[in-house]
Amino acid sequence: MKKIFAVIFTGMFILANTEAMAFDIYSKTIVDNSLMSIEQASDKCGGTNISPDLEWSEVPEGAKSLALIVHDPDAPVEHGWYHWIVVDIPITVTGVAKGAKFAKPAREIVTSYGVPGYDGPCPPVGHGMHHYHFTLYALNTEKIKLTPKMKPYEVEAAVKAHALSQVTLTGLYERK
């Protein structure tokens, strides 16, 4: 009976330990499912447009690169609004500092604002609370094949087609 208990106990320990080491994304600037500050908001809406710090851990085995997509599904336009798209992030990169850009070979892709790079929350006044999903994808390819005229939602579809796993950190923002 003692051997069976030890095997069951060991199995439970391994499962608990595996969960603690899951693919994750976190930030000192954004608390998951909490309000983002005016610092992260777009300068088009009175913010200072400073991208948040992001860190991640436990990239899944088999991943060859990462992609980051910041998307507002609550925007009153088809496909929502894309605030930041970065592809071809090496798996050796474990985060990005507040206000920093990703180093090459990572590529920042044109967002819904029509330019590459971070541009923060700017929901319509009185439109209610918007959700900003900072989703990090672990991909099965080192380089995403994109064409120059791809729309942000098409880039997201290309990323998802190569995704092994994904994690999301959600910030909230509202303009009254």
N, C-alpha and C. Protein backbone atom coordinates (compact mmCIF):
# COMPACT_ATOMS: atom_id res chain seq x y z
N MET A 1 0.81 -1.20 0.00
CA MET A 1 0.00 0.00 0.00
C MET A 1 0.86 1.27 0.00
N LYS A 2 1.98 1.24 0.68
CA LYS A 2 2.84 2.41 0.75
C LYS A 2 3.41 2.75 -0.63
N LYS A 3 3.75 1.76 -1.46
CA LYS A 3 4.30 2.03 -2.79
C LYS A 3 3.26 2.72 -3.68
N ILE A 4 2.02 2.29 -3.61
CA ILE A 4 0.96 2.91 -4.41
C ILE A 4 0.79 4.36 -3.99
N PHE A 5 0.76 4.63 -2.71
CA PHE A 5 0.62 5.99 -2.22
C PHE A 5 1.76 6.86 -2.73
N ALA A 6 2.98 6.33 -2.68
CA ALA A 6 4.15 7.09 -3.14
C ALA A 6 4.04 7.41 -4.62
N VAL A 7 3.58 6.47 -5.43
CA VAL A 7 3.42 6.70 -6.87
C VAL A 7 2.35 7.76 -7.11
N ILE A 8 1.23 7.66 -6.42
CA ILE A 8 0.16 8.65 -6.57
C ILE A 8 0.66 10.01 -6.11
N PHE A 9 1.32 10.07 -4.98
CA PHE A 9 1.83 11.33 -4.47
C PHE A 9 2.83 11.95 -5.45
N THR A 10 3.74 11.16 -5.97
CA THR A 10 4.73 11.66 -6.94
C THR A 10 4.04 12.18 -8.19
N GLY A 11 3.04 11.45 -8.68
CA GLY A 11 2.31 11.90 -9.86
C GLY A 11 1.63 13.23 -9.62
N MET A 12 1.04 13.43 -8.45
CA MET A 12 0.39 14.69 -8.14
C MET A 12 1.42 15.81 -8.04
N PHE A 13 2.58 15.51 -7.47
CA PHE A 13 3.64 16.51 -7.38
C PHE A 13 4.10 16.95 -8.76
N ILE A 14 4.29 16.02 -9.66
CA ILE A 14 4.72 16.34 -11.02
C ILE A 14 3.68 17.19 -11.72
N LEU A 15 2.40 16.85 -11.58
CA LEU A 15 1.35 17.66 -12.21
C LEU A 15 1.33 19.06 -11.65
N ALA A 16 1.43 19.21 -10.34
CA ALA A 16 1.43 20.53 -9.73
C ALA A 16 2.63 21.33 -10.19
N ASN A 17 3.79 20.69 -10.25
CA ASN A 17 5.01 21.35 -10.68
C ASN A 17 4.92 21.78 -12.15
N THR A 18 4.33 20.95 -13.01
CA THR A 18 4.18 21.28 -14.43
C THR A 18 3.29 22.49 -14.62
N GLU A 19 2.18 22.58 -13.87
CA GLU A 19 1.30 23.73 -13.99
C GLU A 19 2.00 25.01 -13.59
N ALA A 20 2.84 24.97 -12.57
CA ALA A 20 3.54 26.16 -12.10
C ALA A 20 4.52 26.67 -13.14
N MET A 21 4.91 25.82 -14.08
CA MET A 21 5.90 26.21 -15.06
C MET A 21 5.30 26.32 -16.46
N ALA A 22 4.07 26.76 -16.57
CA ALA A 22 3.40 26.87 -17.86
C ALA A 22 3.80 28.15 -18.58
N PHE A 23 3.68 28.12 -19.90
CA PHE A 23 3.89 29.29 -20.74
C PHE A 23 3.08 30.45 -20.16
N ASP A 24 3.72 31.60 -19.96
CA ASP A 24 3.03 32.71 -19.30
C ASP A 24 3.57 34.05 -19.79
N ILE A 25 2.72 35.07 -19.72
CA ILE A 25 3.11 36.45 -20.03
C ILE A 25 2.66 37.32 -18.87
N TYR A 26 3.51 38.28 -18.48
CA TYR A 26 3.19 39.14 -17.36
C TYR A 26 3.89 40.47 -17.53
N SER A 27 3.51 41.43 -16.67
CA SER A 27 4.01 42.79 -16.79
C SER A 27 4.02 43.45 -15.42
N LYS A 28 4.96 44.36 -15.21
CA LYS A 28 4.95 45.19 -14.01
C LYS A 28 4.05 46.40 -14.23
N THR A 29 3.79 46.71 -15.49
CA THR A 29 3.01 47.89 -15.86
C THR A 29 1.51 47.60 -15.94
N ILE A 30 1.15 46.41 -16.40
CA ILE A 30 -0.26 46.05 -16.58
C ILE A 30 -0.59 44.86 -15.68
N VAL A 31 -1.64 45.02 -14.90
CA VAL A 31 -2.16 43.91 -14.09
C VAL A 31 -3.28 43.28 -14.91
N ASP A 32 -3.25 41.97 -15.05
CA ASP A 32 -4.24 41.26 -15.87
C ASP A 32 -5.67 41.63 -15.47
N ASN A 33 -6.46 41.98 -16.48
CA ASN A 33 -7.87 42.35 -16.31
C ASN A 33 -8.08 43.57 -15.42
N SER A 34 -7.12 44.50 -15.45
CA SER A 34 -7.22 45.75 -14.69
C SER A 34 -7.00 46.94 -15.62
N LEU A 35 -7.33 48.11 -15.11
CA LEU A 35 -7.20 49.33 -15.92
C LEU A 35 -5.75 49.64 -16.26
N MET A 36 -5.54 50.03 -17.51
CA MET A 36 -4.23 50.49 -17.96
C MET A 36 -4.13 51.99 -17.65
N SER A 37 -2.92 52.49 -17.52
CA SER A 37 -2.74 53.91 -17.20
C SER A 37 -2.75 54.77 -18.45
N ILE A 38 -2.90 56.06 -18.25
CA ILE A 38 -2.86 57.03 -19.34
C ILE A 38 -1.49 56.98 -20.04
N GLU A 39 -0.48 56.53 -19.32
CA GLU A 39 0.87 56.40 -19.88
C GLU A 39 0.88 55.47 -21.10
N GLN A 40 0.10 54.38 -21.05
CA GLN A 40 0.05 53.44 -22.16
C GLN A 40 -0.91 53.89 -23.26
N ALA A 41 -1.82 54.81 -22.96
CA ALA A 41 -2.81 55.27 -23.94
C ALA A 41 -2.15 56.03 -25.09
N SER A 42 -2.78 55.98 -26.24
CA SER A 42 -2.26 56.66 -27.43
C SER A 42 -2.16 58.17 -27.21
N ASP A 43 -1.14 58.76 -27.79
CA ASP A 43 -1.01 60.22 -27.73
C ASP A 43 -2.14 60.90 -28.51
N LYS A 44 -2.84 60.16 -29.36
CA LYS A 44 -3.99 60.69 -30.09
C LYS A 44 -5.18 60.93 -29.14
N CYS A 45 -5.09 60.35 -27.94
CA CYS A 45 -6.17 60.44 -26.96
C CYS A 45 -5.69 60.99 -25.62
N GLY A 46 -4.63 61.76 -25.64
CA GLY A 46 -4.15 62.40 -24.43
C GLY A 46 -3.17 61.58 -23.61
N GLY A 47 -2.79 60.41 -24.10
CA GLY A 47 -1.83 59.57 -23.39
C GLY A 47 -0.40 59.89 -23.79
N THR A 48 0.53 59.16 -23.21
CA THR A 48 1.94 59.36 -23.57
C THR A 48 2.46 58.25 -24.47
N ASN A 49 1.59 57.25 -24.75
CA ASN A 49 1.88 56.21 -25.76
C ASN A 49 3.17 55.44 -25.48
N ILE A 50 3.37 55.10 -24.23
CA ILE A 50 4.55 54.32 -23.85
C ILE A 50 4.14 52.85 -23.74
N SER A 51 4.80 52.01 -24.53
CA SER A 51 4.47 50.58 -24.48
C SER A 51 4.83 50.02 -23.11
N PRO A 52 4.03 49.08 -22.62
CA PRO A 52 4.32 48.48 -21.32
C PRO A 52 5.49 47.51 -21.39
N ASP A 53 6.09 47.25 -20.23
CA ASP A 53 7.07 46.17 -20.16
C ASP A 53 6.29 44.86 -20.27
N LEU A 54 6.89 43.88 -20.89
CA LEU A 54 6.30 42.55 -20.98
C LEU A 54 7.40 41.53 -20.75
N GLU A 55 7.08 40.48 -20.04
CA GLU A 55 8.00 39.37 -19.84
C GLU A 55 7.23 38.08 -20.05
N TRP A 56 7.95 37.05 -20.44
CA TRP A 56 7.31 35.74 -20.58
C TRP A 56 8.28 34.67 -20.16
N SER A 57 7.69 33.50 -19.91
CA SER A 57 8.50 32.38 -19.44
C SER A 57 7.94 31.08 -19.97
N GLU A 58 8.78 30.05 -19.88
CA GLU A 58 8.41 28.68 -20.23
C GLU A 58 7.85 28.55 -21.65
N VAL A 59 8.61 29.07 -22.62
CA VAL A 59 8.22 28.92 -24.02
C VAL A 59 8.12 27.42 -24.32
N PRO A 60 7.03 26.99 -24.94
CA PRO A 60 6.83 25.56 -25.18
C PRO A 60 7.94 24.93 -26.02
N GLU A 61 8.23 23.69 -25.71
CA GLU A 61 9.21 22.92 -26.47
C GLU A 61 8.75 22.84 -27.93
N GLY A 62 9.67 22.97 -28.84
CA GLY A 62 9.35 22.91 -30.27
C GLY A 62 9.10 24.27 -30.90
N ALA A 63 8.95 25.30 -30.08
CA ALA A 63 8.76 26.65 -30.63
C ALA A 63 10.04 27.13 -31.28
N LYS A 64 9.89 27.79 -32.43
CA LYS A 64 11.05 28.32 -33.16
C LYS A 64 11.08 29.84 -33.17
N SER A 65 9.95 30.48 -32.87
CA SER A 65 9.89 31.93 -32.74
C SER A 65 8.63 32.29 -31.98
N LEU A 66 8.50 33.58 -31.69
CA LEU A 66 7.34 34.10 -30.99
C LEU A 66 6.73 35.25 -31.78
N ALA A 67 5.48 35.54 -31.53
CA ALA A 67 4.81 36.70 -32.11
C ALA A 67 3.96 37.33 -31.02
N LEU A 68 3.88 38.66 -31.04
CA LEU A 68 3.07 39.40 -30.09
C LEU A 68 2.03 40.20 -30.87
N ILE A 69 0.78 40.07 -30.48
CA ILE A 69 -0.29 40.85 -31.11
C ILE A 69 -1.12 41.49 -30.00
N VAL A 70 -1.26 42.82 -30.08
CA VAL A 70 -2.11 43.56 -29.14
C VAL A 70 -3.35 43.98 -29.91
N HIS A 71 -4.50 43.49 -29.45
CA HIS A 71 -5.75 43.64 -30.19
C HIS A 71 -6.87 44.11 -29.27
N ASP A 72 -7.69 45.02 -29.77
CA ASP A 72 -8.88 45.49 -29.08
C ASP A 72 -10.09 44.96 -29.83
N PRO A 73 -10.71 43.87 -29.36
CA PRO A 73 -11.87 43.31 -30.06
C PRO A 73 -13.13 44.16 -29.89
N ASP A 74 -13.11 45.12 -28.95
CA ASP A 74 -14.28 45.95 -28.68
C ASP A 74 -14.37 47.18 -29.59
N ALA A 75 -13.34 47.43 -30.38
CA ALA A 75 -13.35 48.59 -31.28
C ALA A 75 -14.53 48.47 -32.25
N PRO A 76 -15.20 49.58 -32.52
CA PRO A 76 -16.40 49.53 -33.37
C PRO A 76 -16.07 49.50 -34.87
N VAL A 77 -15.16 48.62 -35.24
CA VAL A 77 -14.80 48.41 -36.65
C VAL A 77 -14.67 46.91 -36.89
N GLU A 78 -14.86 46.50 -38.12
CA GLU A 78 -14.73 45.09 -38.45
C GLU A 78 -13.33 44.59 -38.07
N HIS A 79 -13.26 43.46 -37.46
CA HIS A 79 -12.02 42.79 -37.02
C HIS A 79 -11.38 43.43 -35.79
N GLY A 80 -12.00 44.45 -35.20
CA GLY A 80 -11.40 45.10 -34.05
C GLY A 80 -10.23 45.98 -34.46
N TRP A 81 -9.41 46.39 -33.48
CA TRP A 81 -8.31 47.32 -33.74
C TRP A 81 -7.01 46.70 -33.25
N TYR A 82 -5.98 46.74 -34.10
CA TYR A 82 -4.67 46.16 -33.78
C TYR A 82 -3.71 47.28 -33.39
N HIS A 83 -3.15 47.17 -32.18
CA HIS A 83 -2.31 48.22 -31.60
C HIS A 83 -0.81 47.94 -31.67
N TRP A 84 -0.45 46.67 -31.83
CA TRP A 84 0.97 46.32 -31.88
C TRP A 84 1.06 44.91 -32.43
N ILE A 85 1.88 44.72 -33.45
CA ILE A 85 2.10 43.40 -34.03
C ILE A 85 3.60 43.22 -34.21
N VAL A 86 4.13 42.19 -33.59
CA VAL A 86 5.57 41.90 -33.70
C VAL A 86 5.71 40.41 -34.01
N VAL A 87 6.43 40.09 -35.07
CA VAL A 87 6.66 38.70 -35.45
C VAL A 87 8.15 38.41 -35.48
N ASP A 88 8.49 37.14 -35.60
CA ASP A 88 9.88 36.67 -35.71
C ASP A 88 10.72 37.01 -34.48
N ILE A 89 10.10 36.99 -33.32
CA ILE A 89 10.82 37.22 -32.07
C ILE A 89 11.56 35.92 -31.73
N PRO A 90 12.88 35.96 -31.57
CA PRO A 90 13.61 34.74 -31.23
C PRO A 90 13.15 34.17 -29.88
N ILE A 91 13.18 32.86 -29.76
CA ILE A 91 12.73 32.24 -28.51
C ILE A 91 13.68 32.52 -27.35
N THR A 92 14.86 33.03 -27.64
CA THR A 92 15.80 33.39 -26.58
C THR A 92 15.43 34.73 -25.93
N VAL A 93 14.57 35.51 -26.57
CA VAL A 93 14.11 36.77 -26.00
C VAL A 93 13.05 36.45 -24.95
N THR A 94 13.18 37.06 -23.76
CA THR A 94 12.25 36.76 -22.67
C THR A 94 11.40 37.96 -22.28
N GLY A 95 11.45 39.02 -23.08
CA GLY A 95 10.61 40.17 -22.77
C GLY A 95 11.08 41.42 -23.49
N VAL A 96 10.37 42.49 -23.20
CA VAL A 96 10.70 43.80 -23.76
C VAL A 96 10.49 44.84 -22.65
N ALA A 97 11.40 45.78 -22.54
CA ALA A 97 11.32 46.81 -21.51
C ALA A 97 10.25 47.84 -21.84
N LYS A 98 9.76 48.50 -20.83
CA LYS A 98 8.77 49.57 -21.00
C LYS A 98 9.33 50.63 -21.95
N GLY A 99 8.56 50.97 -22.98
CA GLY A 99 8.95 52.00 -23.94
C GLY A 99 9.95 51.55 -24.98
N ALA A 100 10.38 50.29 -24.94
CA ALA A 100 11.42 49.80 -25.86
C ALA A 100 10.81 49.17 -27.11
N LYS A 101 11.64 49.07 -28.13
CA LYS A 101 11.28 48.36 -29.35
C LYS A 101 11.99 47.01 -29.34
N PHE A 102 11.46 46.09 -30.12
CA PHE A 102 12.10 44.78 -30.26
C PHE A 102 13.29 44.90 -31.20
N ALA A 103 14.37 44.19 -30.88
CA ALA A 103 15.57 44.18 -31.71
C ALA A 103 15.39 43.18 -32.86
N LYS A 104 16.11 43.40 -33.95
CA LYS A 104 16.08 42.48 -35.08
C LYS A 104 16.65 41.14 -34.62
N PRO A 105 16.14 40.06 -35.12
CA PRO A 105 15.36 39.87 -36.34
C PRO A 105 13.86 40.07 -36.18
N ALA A 106 13.38 40.44 -34.95
CA ALA A 106 11.96 40.69 -34.77
C ALA A 106 11.53 41.82 -35.71
N ARG A 107 10.30 41.71 -36.21
CA ARG A 107 9.77 42.73 -37.12
C ARG A 107 8.46 43.28 -36.57
N GLU A 108 8.38 44.60 -36.47
CA GLU A 108 7.12 45.25 -36.10
C GLU A 108 6.34 45.46 -37.39
N ILE A 109 5.07 45.05 -37.38
CA ILE A 109 4.22 45.05 -38.57
C ILE A 109 3.22 46.20 -38.49
N VAL A 110 2.77 46.69 -39.62
CA VAL A 110 1.80 47.79 -39.69
C VAL A 110 0.53 47.40 -38.93
N THR A 111 0.08 48.30 -38.06
CA THR A 111 -1.11 48.09 -37.24
C THR A 111 -2.33 48.77 -37.88
N SER A 112 -3.42 48.79 -37.15
CA SER A 112 -4.63 49.47 -37.62
C SER A 112 -4.42 50.97 -37.75
N TYR A 113 -3.41 51.52 -37.09
CA TYR A 113 -3.09 52.94 -37.21
C TYR A 113 -2.37 53.25 -38.53
N GLY A 114 -1.96 52.21 -39.26
CA GLY A 114 -1.30 52.40 -40.55
C GLY A 114 0.20 52.49 -40.50
N VAL A 115 0.78 52.28 -39.32
CA VAL A 115 2.24 52.32 -39.16
C VAL A 115 2.66 51.17 -38.25
N PRO A 116 3.92 50.73 -38.36
CA PRO A 116 4.39 49.69 -37.43
C PRO A 116 4.70 50.29 -36.06
N GLY A 117 4.74 49.44 -35.06
CA GLY A 117 5.10 49.88 -33.72
C GLY A 117 3.90 49.96 -32.80
N TYR A 118 4.18 50.22 -31.54
CA TYR A 118 3.13 50.31 -30.52
C TYR A 118 2.37 51.61 -30.64
N ASP A 119 1.06 51.54 -30.56
CA ASP A 119 0.20 52.71 -30.40
C ASP A 119 -0.93 52.27 -29.49
N GLY A 120 -1.04 52.92 -28.35
CA GLY A 120 -1.89 52.45 -27.27
C GLY A 120 -3.38 52.69 -27.42
N PRO A 121 -4.10 52.39 -26.34
CA PRO A 121 -5.55 52.51 -26.33
C PRO A 121 -6.05 53.91 -26.68
N CYS A 122 -7.15 53.92 -27.43
CA CYS A 122 -7.79 55.18 -27.82
C CYS A 122 -9.24 54.89 -28.23
N PRO A 123 -10.02 54.29 -27.32
CA PRO A 123 -11.39 53.96 -27.70
C PRO A 123 -12.23 55.23 -27.86
N PRO A 124 -13.32 55.15 -28.60
CA PRO A 124 -14.19 56.33 -28.73
C PRO A 124 -14.72 56.76 -27.36
N VAL A 125 -14.86 58.07 -27.18
CA VAL A 125 -15.40 58.61 -25.94
C VAL A 125 -16.80 58.03 -25.73
N GLY A 126 -17.05 57.56 -24.51
CA GLY A 126 -18.36 57.04 -24.15
C GLY A 126 -18.69 55.66 -24.70
N HIS A 127 -17.71 54.99 -25.30
CA HIS A 127 -17.96 53.67 -25.89
C HIS A 127 -17.88 52.55 -24.87
N GLY A 128 -17.53 52.86 -23.66
CA GLY A 128 -17.44 51.84 -22.62
C GLY A 128 -16.04 51.27 -22.49
N MET A 129 -15.94 50.27 -21.64
CA MET A 129 -14.66 49.64 -21.36
C MET A 129 -14.22 48.78 -22.54
N HIS A 130 -12.96 48.94 -22.94
CA HIS A 130 -12.37 48.12 -24.00
C HIS A 130 -11.33 47.19 -23.39
N HIS A 131 -11.17 46.05 -24.03
CA HIS A 131 -10.22 45.03 -23.59
C HIS A 131 -9.05 44.99 -24.56
N TYR A 132 -7.84 45.11 -24.04
CA TYR A 132 -6.63 45.10 -24.86
C TYR A 132 -5.88 43.80 -24.57
N HIS A 133 -5.97 42.88 -25.53
CA HIS A 133 -5.37 41.56 -25.36
C HIS A 133 -3.93 41.57 -25.88
N PHE A 134 -2.98 41.40 -24.98
CA PHE A 134 -1.57 41.26 -25.31
C PHE A 134 -1.34 39.76 -25.42
N THR A 135 -1.41 39.23 -26.64
CA THR A 135 -1.31 37.79 -26.83
C THR A 135 0.05 37.44 -27.42
N LEU A 136 0.73 36.53 -26.75
CA LEU A 136 2.03 36.04 -27.19
C LEU A 136 1.82 34.63 -27.73
N TYR A 137 2.30 34.41 -28.95
CA TYR A 137 2.16 33.13 -29.62
C TYR A 137 3.52 32.45 -29.72
N ALA A 138 3.58 31.17 -29.39
CA ALA A 138 4.77 30.35 -29.64
C ALA A 138 4.53 29.67 -30.99
N LEU A 139 5.46 29.87 -31.93
CA LEU A 139 5.25 29.43 -33.31
C LEU A 139 6.18 28.29 -33.72
N ASN A 140 5.72 27.53 -34.70
CA ASN A 140 6.50 26.39 -35.21
C ASN A 140 7.41 26.77 -36.38
N THR A 141 7.63 28.06 -36.58
CA THR A 141 8.48 28.55 -37.65
C THR A 141 9.33 29.71 -37.15
N GLU A 142 10.53 29.88 -37.71
CA GLU A 142 11.39 30.99 -37.30
C GLU A 142 10.96 32.31 -37.91
N LYS A 143 10.32 32.25 -39.09
CA LYS A 143 9.97 33.48 -39.81
C LYS A 143 8.57 33.33 -40.41
N ILE A 144 7.71 34.27 -40.10
CA ILE A 144 6.35 34.29 -40.68
C ILE A 144 6.43 34.91 -42.07
N LYS A 145 5.86 34.24 -43.04
CA LYS A 145 5.83 34.77 -44.40
C LYS A 145 4.65 35.73 -44.53
N LEU A 146 4.96 36.99 -44.83
CA LEU A 146 3.96 38.03 -44.97
C LEU A 146 4.16 38.78 -46.27
N THR A 147 3.08 39.34 -46.79
CA THR A 147 3.18 40.19 -47.97
C THR A 147 3.01 41.64 -47.52
N PRO A 148 3.56 42.60 -48.26
CA PRO A 148 3.52 44.00 -47.85
C PRO A 148 2.12 44.58 -47.65
N LYS A 149 1.14 44.09 -48.36
CA LYS A 149 -0.21 44.67 -48.30
C LYS A 149 -1.15 43.96 -47.33
N MET A 150 -0.64 43.02 -46.54
CA MET A 150 -1.51 42.27 -45.63
C MET A 150 -2.13 43.19 -44.58
N LYS A 151 -3.38 42.98 -44.33
CA LYS A 151 -4.11 43.70 -43.28
C LYS A 151 -3.75 43.06 -41.93
N PRO A 152 -3.87 43.82 -40.84
CA PRO A 152 -3.52 43.26 -39.53
C PRO A 152 -4.24 41.94 -39.21
N TYR A 153 -5.52 41.83 -39.54
CA TYR A 153 -6.24 40.59 -39.24
C TYR A 153 -5.71 39.43 -40.08
N GLU A 154 -5.16 39.71 -41.26
CA GLU A 154 -4.56 38.67 -42.09
C GLU A 154 -3.22 38.22 -41.49
N VAL A 155 -2.47 39.18 -40.93
CA VAL A 155 -1.23 38.83 -40.24
C VAL A 155 -1.55 37.95 -39.04
N GLU A 156 -2.60 38.31 -38.30
CA GLU A 156 -2.99 37.50 -37.15
C GLU A 156 -3.36 36.08 -37.59
N ALA A 157 -4.06 35.94 -38.70
CA ALA A 157 -4.43 34.61 -39.21
C ALA A 157 -3.18 33.81 -39.58
N ALA A 158 -2.18 34.48 -40.18
CA ALA A 158 -0.93 33.81 -40.54
C ALA A 158 -0.19 33.34 -39.28
N VAL A 159 -0.20 34.18 -38.26
CA VAL A 159 0.43 33.82 -36.98
C VAL A 159 -0.28 32.62 -36.37
N LYS A 160 -1.60 32.69 -36.29
CA LYS A 160 -2.38 31.60 -35.68
C LYS A 160 -2.19 30.27 -36.42
N ALA A 161 -1.95 30.34 -37.73
CA ALA A 161 -1.74 29.12 -38.51
C ALA A 161 -0.47 28.39 -38.10
N HIS A 162 0.46 29.10 -37.45
CA HIS A 162 1.72 28.50 -37.01
C HIS A 162 1.82 28.36 -35.49
N ALA A 163 0.75 28.67 -34.77
CA ALA A 163 0.79 28.69 -33.31
C ALA A 163 0.79 27.30 -32.70
N LEU A 164 1.74 27.08 -31.81
CA LEU A 164 1.78 25.87 -30.99
C LEU A 164 1.04 26.12 -29.69
N SER A 165 1.11 27.35 -29.22
CA SER A 165 0.50 27.73 -27.95
C SER A 165 0.38 29.25 -27.90
N GLN A 166 -0.47 29.74 -27.01
CA GLN A 166 -0.60 31.19 -26.84
C GLN A 166 -0.98 31.50 -25.40
N VAL A 167 -0.60 32.70 -24.96
CA VAL A 167 -0.96 33.21 -23.64
C VAL A 167 -1.37 34.66 -23.80
N THR A 168 -2.28 35.11 -22.95
CA THR A 168 -2.80 36.47 -23.09
C THR A 168 -2.81 37.19 -21.75
N LEU A 169 -2.41 38.45 -21.80
CA LEU A 169 -2.51 39.39 -20.70
C LEU A 169 -3.49 40.46 -21.17
N THR A 170 -4.51 40.76 -20.38
CA THR A 170 -5.54 41.70 -20.81
C THR A 170 -5.52 42.96 -19.96
N GLY A 171 -5.39 44.11 -20.64
CA GLY A 171 -5.51 45.41 -20.00
C GLY A 171 -6.84 46.03 -20.38
N LEU A 172 -7.38 46.87 -19.52
CA LEU A 172 -8.65 47.53 -19.77
C LEU A 172 -8.44 49.03 -19.88
N TYR A 173 -9.28 49.69 -20.71
CA TYR A 173 -9.18 51.14 -20.84
C TYR A 173 -10.50 51.68 -21.32
N GLU A 174 -10.87 52.86 -20.81
CA GLU A 174 -12.13 53.52 -21.21
C GLU A 174 -11.90 55.01 -21.26
N ARG A 175 -12.51 55.65 -22.25
CA ARG A 175 -12.51 57.12 -22.34
C ARG A 175 -13.93 57.60 -22.07
N LYS A 176 -14.06 58.49 -21.08
CA LYS A 176 -15.40 58.98 -20.72
C LYS A 176 -15.65 60.35 -21.30
